[in-house]
Amino acid sequence: REKDGFHTGQLYPWHGAYCGDIDLTGLRKPISH
């Protein structure tokens, strides 16, 4: 459904990094706990 890898061309509609322990709304992901 998407290209493999990191920074491999256009990956729109991705427009942010999902590597945070806390998501964009300020809620904690399991890795944070």
PDB file of all heavy atoms in Angstrom:
ATOM      1  N   ARG A   1       0.815  -1.215   0.000  1.00  0.00           N
ATOM      2  CA  ARG A   1       0.000   0.000   0.000  1.00  0.00           C
ATOM      3  C   ARG A   1       0.851   1.269   0.000  1.00  0.00           C
ATOM      4  O   ARG A   1       0.365   2.343  -0.339  1.00  0.00           O
ATOM      5  CB  ARG A   1      -0.927   0.016   1.213  1.00  0.00           C
ATOM      6  CG  ARG A   1      -1.892  -1.150   1.260  1.00  0.00           C
ATOM      7  CD  ARG A   1      -2.930  -0.938   2.352  1.00  0.00           C
ATOM      8  NE  ARG A   1      -3.532  -2.185   2.766  1.00  0.00           N
ATOM      9  CZ  ARG A   1      -4.391  -2.311   3.760  1.00  0.00           C
ATOM     10  NH1 ARG A   1      -4.741  -1.232   4.449  1.00  0.00           N
ATOM     11  NH2 ARG A   1      -4.894  -3.475   4.095  1.00  0.00           N
ATOM     12  N   GLU A   2       2.109   1.144   0.422  1.00  0.00           N
ATOM     13  CA  GLU A   2       3.010   2.287   0.455  1.00  0.00           C
ATOM     14  C   GLU A   2       4.398   1.831   0.022  1.00  0.00           C
ATOM     15  O   GLU A   2       4.730   0.645   0.097  1.00  0.00           O
ATOM     16  CB  GLU A   2       3.103   2.881   1.862  1.00  0.00           C
ATOM     17  CG  GLU A   2       1.826   3.504   2.381  1.00  0.00           C
ATOM     18  CD  GLU A   2       2.003   4.119   3.754  1.00  0.00           C
ATOM     19  OE1 GLU A   2       3.151   4.225   4.216  1.00  0.00           O
ATOM     20  OE2 GLU A   2       0.993   4.489   4.369  1.00  0.00           O
ATOM     21  N   LYS A   3       5.227   2.799  -0.397  1.00  0.00           N
ATOM     22  CA  LYS A   3       6.609   2.489  -0.707  1.00  0.00           C
ATOM     23  C   LYS A   3       7.348   2.090   0.555  1.00  0.00           C
ATOM     24  O   LYS A   3       7.089   2.598   1.640  1.00  0.00           O
ATOM     25  CB  LYS A   3       7.288   3.701  -1.336  1.00  0.00           C
ATOM     26  CG  LYS A   3       6.747   4.073  -2.712  1.00  0.00           C
ATOM     27  CD  LYS A   3       7.480   5.287  -3.256  1.00  0.00           C
ATOM     28  CE  LYS A   3       6.950   5.676  -4.622  1.00  0.00           C
ATOM     29  NZ  LYS A   3       7.629   6.883  -5.154  1.00  0.00           N
ATOM     30  N   ASP A   4       8.274   1.157   0.422  1.00  0.00           N
ATOM     31  CA  ASP A   4       9.078   0.727   1.557  1.00  0.00           C
ATOM     32  C   ASP A   4      10.149   1.753   1.871  1.00  0.00           C
ATOM     33  O   ASP A   4      10.533   2.566   1.031  1.00  0.00           O
ATOM     34  CB  ASP A   4       9.745  -0.626   1.264  1.00  0.00           C
ATOM     35  CG  ASP A   4       8.738  -1.768   1.258  1.00  0.00           C
ATOM     36  OD1 ASP A   4       7.629  -1.575   1.783  1.00  0.00           O
ATOM     37  OD2 ASP A   4       9.069  -2.843   0.735  1.00  0.00           O
ATOM     38  N   GLY A   5      10.659   1.670   3.103  1.00  0.00           N
ATOM     39  CA  GLY A   5      11.841   2.429   3.473  1.00  0.00           C
ATOM     40  C   GLY A   5      11.529   3.792   4.042  1.00  0.00           C
ATOM     41  O   GLY A   5      10.399   4.120   4.389  1.00  0.00           O
ATOM     42  N   PHE A   6      12.581   4.596   4.129  1.00  0.00           N
ATOM     43  CA  PHE A   6      12.545   5.902   4.769  1.00  0.00           C
ATOM     44  C   PHE A   6      13.000   6.946   3.766  1.00  0.00           C
ATOM     45  O   PHE A   6      14.049   6.829   3.152  1.00  0.00           O
ATOM     46  CB  PHE A   6      13.460   5.882   5.998  1.00  0.00           C
ATOM     47  CG  PHE A   6      13.807   7.238   6.555  1.00  0.00           C
ATOM     48  CD1 PHE A   6      12.818   8.126   6.914  1.00  0.00           C
ATOM     49  CD2 PHE A   6      15.125   7.616   6.714  1.00  0.00           C
ATOM     50  CE1 PHE A   6      13.131   9.370   7.431  1.00  0.00           C
ATOM     51  CE2 PHE A   6      15.463   8.858   7.236  1.00  0.00           C
ATOM     52  CZ  PHE A   6      14.453   9.736   7.591  1.00  0.00           C
ATOM     53  N   HIS A   7      12.170   7.991   3.577  1.00  0.00           N
ATOM     54  CA  HIS A   7      12.476   9.058   2.629  1.00  0.00           C
ATOM     55  C   HIS A   7      12.709   8.489   1.225  1.00  0.00           C
ATOM     56  O   HIS A   7      13.687   8.818   0.551  1.00  0.00           O
ATOM     57  CB  HIS A   7      13.704   9.862   3.076  1.00  0.00           C
ATOM     58  CG  HIS A   7      13.408  10.761   4.245  1.00  0.00           C
ATOM     59  ND1 HIS A   7      14.378  11.462   4.896  1.00  0.00           N
ATOM     60  CD2 HIS A   7      12.254  11.062   4.880  1.00  0.00           C
ATOM     61  CE1 HIS A   7      13.835  12.162   5.876  1.00  0.00           C
ATOM     62  NE2 HIS A   7      12.548  11.924   5.888  1.00  0.00           N
ATOM     63  N   THR A   8      11.826   7.592   0.794  1.00  0.00           N
ATOM     64  CA  THR A   8      11.963   7.005  -0.537  1.00  0.00           C
ATOM     65  C   THR A   8      10.920   7.609  -1.465  1.00  0.00           C
ATOM     66  O   THR A   8       9.937   6.976  -1.830  1.00  0.00           O
ATOM     67  CB  THR A   8      11.790   5.481  -0.479  1.00  0.00           C
ATOM     68  OG1 THR A   8      10.563   5.183   0.220  1.00  0.00           O
ATOM     69  CG2 THR A   8      12.939   4.827   0.235  1.00  0.00           C
ATOM     70  N   GLY A   9      11.116   8.864  -1.820  1.00  0.00           N
ATOM     71  CA  GLY A   9      10.202   9.504  -2.743  1.00  0.00           C
ATOM     72  C   GLY A   9       8.952  10.028  -2.057  1.00  0.00           C
ATOM     73  O   GLY A   9       8.904  10.214  -0.851  1.00  0.00           O
ATOM     74  N   GLN A  10       7.921  10.249  -2.843  1.00  0.00           N
ATOM     75  CA  GLN A  10       6.688  10.844  -2.340  1.00  0.00           C
ATOM     76  C   GLN A  10       5.883   9.835  -1.528  1.00  0.00           C
ATOM     77  O   GLN A  10       5.558   8.754  -2.003  1.00  0.00           O
ATOM     78  CB  GLN A  10       5.849  11.354  -3.514  1.00  0.00           C
ATOM     79  CG  GLN A  10       6.499  12.485  -4.286  1.00  0.00           C
ATOM     80  CD  GLN A  10       6.704  13.721  -3.428  1.00  0.00           C
ATOM     81  OE1 GLN A  10       5.847  14.073  -2.630  1.00  0.00           O
ATOM     82  NE2 GLN A  10       7.836  14.378  -3.600  1.00  0.00           N
ATOM     83  N   LEU A  11       5.576  10.204  -0.282  1.00  0.00           N
ATOM     84  CA  LEU A  11       4.771   9.342   0.586  1.00  0.00           C
ATOM     85  C   LEU A  11       3.508  10.065   1.035  1.00  0.00           C
ATOM     86  O   LEU A  11       2.912   9.714   2.051  1.00  0.00           O
ATOM     87  CB  LEU A  11       5.606   8.898   1.798  1.00  0.00           C
ATOM     88  CG  LEU A  11       6.688   7.862   1.457  1.00  0.00           C
ATOM     89  CD1 LEU A  11       7.687   7.729   2.596  1.00  0.00           C
ATOM     90  CD2 LEU A  11       6.063   6.517   1.136  1.00  0.00           C
ATOM     91  N   TYR A  12       3.114  11.087   0.285  1.00  0.00           N
ATOM     92  CA  TYR A  12       1.864  11.788   0.575  1.00  0.00           C
ATOM     93  C   TYR A  12       0.726  10.765   0.606  1.00  0.00           C
ATOM     94  O   TYR A  12       0.721   9.827  -0.191  1.00  0.00           O
ATOM     95  CB  TYR A  12       1.609  12.825  -0.523  1.00  0.00           C
ATOM     96  CG  TYR A  12       0.365  13.638  -0.310  1.00  0.00           C
ATOM     97  CD1 TYR A  12       0.374  14.757   0.512  1.00  0.00           C
ATOM     98  CD2 TYR A  12      -0.837  13.277  -0.917  1.00  0.00           C
ATOM     99  CE1 TYR A  12      -0.775  15.500   0.725  1.00  0.00           C
ATOM    100  CE2 TYR A  12      -1.986  14.002  -0.703  1.00  0.00           C
ATOM    101  CZ  TYR A  12      -1.956  15.111   0.115  1.00  0.00           C
ATOM    102  OH  TYR A  12      -3.095  15.836   0.341  1.00  0.00           O
ATOM    103  N   PRO A  13      -0.220  10.882   1.530  1.00  0.00           N
ATOM    104  CA  PRO A  13      -0.532  12.047   2.361  1.00  0.00           C
ATOM    105  C   PRO A  13       0.172  12.118   3.723  1.00  0.00           C
ATOM    106  O   PRO A  13      -0.217  12.933   4.558  1.00  0.00           O
ATOM    107  CB  PRO A  13      -2.041  11.915   2.566  1.00  0.00           C
ATOM    108  CG  PRO A  13      -2.272  10.443   2.574  1.00  0.00           C
ATOM    109  CD  PRO A  13      -1.298   9.871   1.576  1.00  0.00           C
ATOM    110  N   TRP A  14       1.172  11.273   3.975  1.00  0.00           N
ATOM    111  CA  TRP A  14       1.944  11.459   5.207  1.00  0.00           C
ATOM    112  C   TRP A  14       2.515  12.870   5.237  1.00  0.00           C
ATOM    113  O   TRP A  14       3.133  13.322   4.271  1.00  0.00           O
ATOM    114  CB  TRP A  14       3.100  10.456   5.276  1.00  0.00           C
ATOM    115  CG  TRP A  14       2.688   9.073   5.687  1.00  0.00           C
ATOM    116  CD1 TRP A  14       2.462   8.012   4.862  1.00  0.00           C
ATOM    117  CD2 TRP A  14       2.484   8.614   7.022  1.00  0.00           C
ATOM    118  NE1 TRP A  14       2.109   6.908   5.607  1.00  0.00           N
ATOM    119  CE2 TRP A  14       2.116   7.239   6.935  1.00  0.00           C
ATOM    120  CE3 TRP A  14       2.563   9.210   8.287  1.00  0.00           C
ATOM    121  CZ2 TRP A  14       1.839   6.465   8.064  1.00  0.00           C
ATOM    122  CZ3 TRP A  14       2.289   8.441   9.408  1.00  0.00           C
ATOM    123  CH2 TRP A  14       1.927   7.090   9.289  1.00  0.00           C
ATOM    124  N   HIS A  15       2.324  13.572   6.348  1.00  0.00           N
ATOM    125  CA  HIS A  15       2.843  14.935   6.464  1.00  0.00           C
ATOM    126  C   HIS A  15       3.472  15.167   7.835  1.00  0.00           C
ATOM    127  O   HIS A  15       3.656  16.303   8.255  1.00  0.00           O
ATOM    128  CB  HIS A  15       1.737  15.972   6.213  1.00  0.00           C
ATOM    129  CG  HIS A  15       0.574  15.844   7.145  1.00  0.00           C
ATOM    130  ND1 HIS A  15      -0.471  14.981   6.905  1.00  0.00           N
ATOM    131  CD2 HIS A  15       0.291  16.463   8.323  1.00  0.00           C
ATOM    132  CE1 HIS A  15      -1.344  15.082   7.893  1.00  0.00           C
ATOM    133  NE2 HIS A  15      -0.898  15.977   8.769  1.00  0.00           N
ATOM    134  N   GLY A  16       3.831  14.092   8.528  1.00  0.00           N
ATOM    135  CA  GLY A  16       4.465  14.222   9.833  1.00  0.00           C
ATOM    136  C   GLY A  16       5.181  12.942  10.199  1.00  0.00           C
ATOM    137  O   GLY A  16       5.078  11.914   9.512  1.00  0.00           O
ATOM    138  N   ALA A  17       5.928  13.037  11.281  1.00  0.00           N
ATOM    139  CA  ALA A  17       6.698  11.889  11.778  1.00  0.00           C
ATOM    140  C   ALA A  17       5.929  11.195  12.890  1.00  0.00           C
ATOM    141  O   ALA A  17       5.477  11.834  13.838  1.00  0.00           O
ATOM    142  CB  ALA A  17       8.052  12.370  12.299  1.00  0.00           C
ATOM    143  N   TYR A  18       5.797   9.882  12.768  1.00  0.00           N
ATOM    144  CA  TYR A  18       5.023   9.104  13.741  1.00  0.00           C
ATOM    145  C   TYR A  18       5.942   8.357  14.708  1.00  0.00           C
ATOM    146  O   TYR A  18       5.606   7.299  15.214  1.00  0.00           O
ATOM    147  CB  TYR A  18       4.108   8.122  13.003  1.00  0.00           C
ATOM    148  CG  TYR A  18       3.015   7.552  13.876  1.00  0.00           C
ATOM    149  CD1 TYR A  18       2.001   8.371  14.373  1.00  0.00           C
ATOM    150  CD2 TYR A  18       2.995   6.211  14.216  1.00  0.00           C
ATOM    151  CE1 TYR A  18       0.999   7.855  15.180  1.00  0.00           C
ATOM    152  CE2 TYR A  18       1.996   5.690  15.022  1.00  0.00           C
ATOM    153  CZ  TYR A  18       1.001   6.516  15.502  1.00  0.00           C
ATOM    154  OH  TYR A  18       0.007   6.009  16.300  1.00  0.00           O
ATOM    155  N   CYS A  19       7.104   8.932  14.980  1.00  0.00           N
ATOM    156  CA  CYS A  19       8.081   8.257  15.834  1.00  0.00           C
ATOM    157  C   CYS A  19       7.978   8.685  17.295  1.00  0.00           C
ATOM    158  O   CYS A  19       8.772   8.246  18.125  1.00  0.00           O
ATOM    159  CB  CYS A  19       9.493   8.503  15.335  1.00  0.00           C
ATOM    160  SG  CYS A  19       9.894  10.252  15.112  1.00  0.00           S
ATOM    161  N   GLY A  20       7.022   9.525  17.641  1.00  0.00           N
ATOM    162  CA  GLY A  20       6.923  10.040  18.997  1.00  0.00           C
ATOM    163  C   GLY A  20       6.409   9.025  20.003  1.00  0.00           C
ATOM    164  O   GLY A  20       5.624   8.146  19.669  1.00  0.00           O
ATOM    165  N   ASP A  21       6.851   9.165  21.249  1.00  0.00           N
ATOM    166  CA  ASP A  21       6.234   8.413  22.338  1.00  0.00           C
ATOM    167  C   ASP A  21       4.827   8.940  22.616  1.00  0.00           C
ATOM    168  O   ASP A  21       3.990   8.238  23.171  1.00  0.00           O
ATOM    169  CB  ASP A  21       7.064   8.556  23.621  1.00  0.00           C
ATOM    170  CG  ASP A  21       8.231   7.586  23.685  1.00  0.00           C
ATOM    171  OD1 ASP A  21       8.651   7.089  22.620  1.00  0.00           O
ATOM    172  OD2 ASP A  21       8.723   7.313  24.801  1.00  0.00           O
ATOM    173  N   ILE A  22       4.595  10.195  22.241  1.00  0.00           N
ATOM    174  CA  ILE A  22       3.309  10.854  22.461  1.00  0.00           C
ATOM    175  C   ILE A  22       2.793  11.322  21.107  1.00  0.00           C
ATOM    176  O   ILE A  22       3.555  11.829  20.280  1.00  0.00           O
ATOM    177  CB  ILE A  22       3.485  12.053  23.421  1.00  0.00           C
ATOM    178  CG1 ILE A  22       4.009  11.564  24.772  1.00  0.00           C
ATOM    179  CG2 ILE A  22       2.176  12.817  23.612  1.00  0.00           C
ATOM    180  CD1 ILE A  22       4.474  12.664  25.697  1.00  0.00           C
ATOM    181  N   ASP A  23       1.489  11.130  20.864  1.00  0.00           N
ATOM    182  CA  ASP A  23       0.972  11.448  19.535  1.00  0.00           C
ATOM    183  C   ASP A  23       0.706  12.953  19.396  1.00  0.00           C
ATOM    184  O   ASP A  23       0.904  13.738  20.322  1.00  0.00           O
ATOM    185  CB  ASP A  23      -0.255  10.592  19.190  1.00  0.00           C
ATOM    186  CG  ASP A  23      -1.511  10.966  19.983  1.00  0.00           C
ATOM    187  OD1 ASP A  23      -1.661  12.123  20.418  1.00  0.00           O
ATOM    188  OD2 ASP A  23      -2.371  10.079  20.163  1.00  0.00           O
ATOM    189  N   LEU A  24       0.239  13.349  18.217  1.00  0.00           N
ATOM    190  CA  LEU A  24       0.095  14.765  17.894  1.00  0.00           C
ATOM    191  C   LEU A  24      -0.941  15.456  18.773  1.00  0.00           C
ATOM    192  O   LEU A  24      -0.913  16.676  18.932  1.00  0.00           O
ATOM    193  CB  LEU A  24      -0.283  14.917  16.411  1.00  0.00           C
ATOM    194  CG  LEU A  24      -0.007  16.257  15.755  1.00  0.00           C
ATOM    195  CD1 LEU A  24       1.478  16.560  15.725  1.00  0.00           C
ATOM    196  CD2 LEU A  24      -0.582  16.281  14.346  1.00  0.00           C
ATOM    197  N   THR A  25      -1.862  14.696  19.352  1.00  0.00           N
ATOM    198  CA  THR A  25      -2.892  15.292  20.208  1.00  0.00           C
ATOM    199  C   THR A  25      -2.481  15.311  21.674  1.00  0.00           C
ATOM    200  O   THR A  25      -3.257  15.743  22.533  1.00  0.00           O
ATOM    201  CB  THR A  25      -4.218  14.520  20.079  1.00  0.00           C
ATOM    202  OG1 THR A  25      -4.070  13.212  20.631  1.00  0.00           O
ATOM    203  CG2 THR A  25      -4.658  14.419  18.637  1.00  0.00           C
ATOM    204  N   GLY A  26      -1.281  14.830  21.978  1.00  0.00           N
ATOM    205  CA  GLY A  26      -0.808  14.844  23.357  1.00  0.00           C
ATOM    206  C   GLY A  26      -1.118  13.592  24.145  1.00  0.00           C
ATOM    207  O   GLY A  26      -0.858  13.536  25.351  1.00  0.00           O
ATOM    208  N   LEU A  27      -1.653  12.566  23.494  1.00  0.00           N
ATOM    209  CA  LEU A  27      -1.959  11.317  24.184  1.00  0.00           C
ATOM    210  C   LEU A  27      -0.789  10.342  24.060  1.00  0.00           C
ATOM    211  O   LEU A  27      -0.112  10.283  23.033  1.00  0.00           O
ATOM    212  CB  LEU A  27      -3.234  10.689  23.623  1.00  0.00           C
ATOM    213  CG  LEU A  27      -4.508  11.518  23.837  1.00  0.00           C
ATOM    214  CD1 LEU A  27      -5.699  10.832  23.185  1.00  0.00           C
ATOM    215  CD2 LEU A  27      -4.777  11.741  25.318  1.00  0.00           C
ATOM    216  N   ARG A  28      -0.583   9.556  25.107  1.00  0.00           N
ATOM    217  CA  ARG A  28       0.575   8.670  25.174  1.00  0.00           C
ATOM    218  C   ARG A  28       0.344   7.381  24.394  1.00  0.00           C
ATOM    219  O   ARG A  28      -0.722   6.777  24.477  1.00  0.00           O
ATOM    220  CB  ARG A  28       0.892   8.338  26.629  1.00  0.00           C
ATOM    221  CG  ARG A  28       1.240   9.557  27.455  1.00  0.00           C
ATOM    222  CD  ARG A  28       1.390   9.211  28.913  1.00  0.00           C
ATOM    223  NE  ARG A  28       2.542   8.348  29.141  1.00  0.00           N
ATOM    224  CZ  ARG A  28       2.886   7.883  30.331  1.00  0.00           C
ATOM    225  NH1 ARG A  28       2.168   8.180  31.394  1.00  0.00           N
ATOM    226  NH2 ARG A  28       3.947   7.115  30.465  1.00  0.00           N
ATOM    227  N   LYS A  29       1.373   6.953  23.656  1.00  0.00           N
ATOM    228  CA  LYS A  29       1.357   5.657  22.993  1.00  0.00           C
ATOM    229  C   LYS A  29       1.882   4.601  23.974  1.00  0.00           C
ATOM    230  O   LYS A  29       2.535   4.928  24.972  1.00  0.00           O
ATOM    231  CB  LYS A  29       2.242   5.690  21.747  1.00  0.00           C
ATOM    232  CG  LYS A  29       1.838   6.733  20.725  1.00  0.00           C
ATOM    233  CD  LYS A  29       2.828   6.735  19.560  1.00  0.00           C
ATOM    234  CE  LYS A  29       2.587   7.888  18.621  1.00  0.00           C
ATOM    235  NZ  LYS A  29       3.586   7.968  17.538  1.00  0.00           N
ATOM    236  N   PRO A  30       1.665   3.313  23.691  1.00  0.00           N
ATOM    237  CA  PRO A  30       2.156   2.265  24.592  1.00  0.00           C
ATOM    238  C   PRO A  30       3.654   2.346  24.866  1.00  0.00           C
ATOM    239  O   PRO A  30       4.091   2.096  25.989  1.00  0.00           O
ATOM    240  CB  PRO A  30       1.773   0.978  23.853  1.00  0.00           C
ATOM    241  CG  PRO A  30       0.516   1.344  23.129  1.00  0.00           C
ATOM    242  CD  PRO A  30       0.732   2.760  22.674  1.00  0.00           C
ATOM    243  N   ILE A  31       4.468   2.721  23.876  1.00  0.00           N
ATOM    244  CA  ILE A  31       5.916   2.801  24.093  1.00  0.00           C
ATOM    245  C   ILE A  31       6.252   3.820  25.166  1.00  0.00           C
ATOM    246  O   ILE A  31       7.234   3.675  25.910  1.00  0.00           O
ATOM    247  CB  ILE A  31       6.655   3.133  22.765  1.00  0.00           C
ATOM    248  CG1 ILE A  31       8.170   3.092  22.935  1.00  0.00           C
ATOM    249  CG2 ILE A  31       6.199   4.456  22.200  1.00  0.00           C
ATOM    250  CD1 ILE A  31       8.730   1.738  23.272  1.00  0.00           C
ATOM    251  N   SER A  32       5.436   4.865  25.303  1.00  0.00           N
ATOM    252  CA  SER A  32       5.655   5.874  26.332  1.00  0.00           C
ATOM    253  C   SER A  32       5.484   5.284  27.726  1.00  0.00           C
ATOM    254  O   SER A  32       6.268   5.557  28.641  1.00  0.00           O
ATOM    255  CB  SER A  32       4.686   7.045  26.137  1.00  0.00           C
ATOM    256  OG  SER A  32       4.720   7.925  27.241  1.00  0.00           O
ATOM    257  N   HIS A  33       4.464   4.462  27.906  1.00  0.00           N
ATOM    258  CA  HIS A  33       4.229   3.834  29.210  1.00  0.00           C
ATOM    259  C   HIS A  33       5.359   2.861  29.549  1.00  0.00           C
ATOM    260  O   HIS A  33       5.780   2.765  30.708  1.00  0.00           O
ATOM    261  CB  HIS A  33       2.889   3.103  29.196  1.00  0.00           C
ATOM    262  CG  HIS A  33       1.701   4.017  29.111  1.00  0.00           C
ATOM    263  ND1 HIS A  33       1.155   4.630  30.213  1.00  0.00           N
ATOM    264  CD2 HIS A  33       0.976   4.442  28.043  1.00  0.00           C
ATOM    265  CE1 HIS A  33       0.128   5.379  29.845  1.00  0.00           C
ATOM    266  NE2 HIS A  33       0.003   5.284  28.527  1.00  0.00           N
TER     267      HIS A  33
END
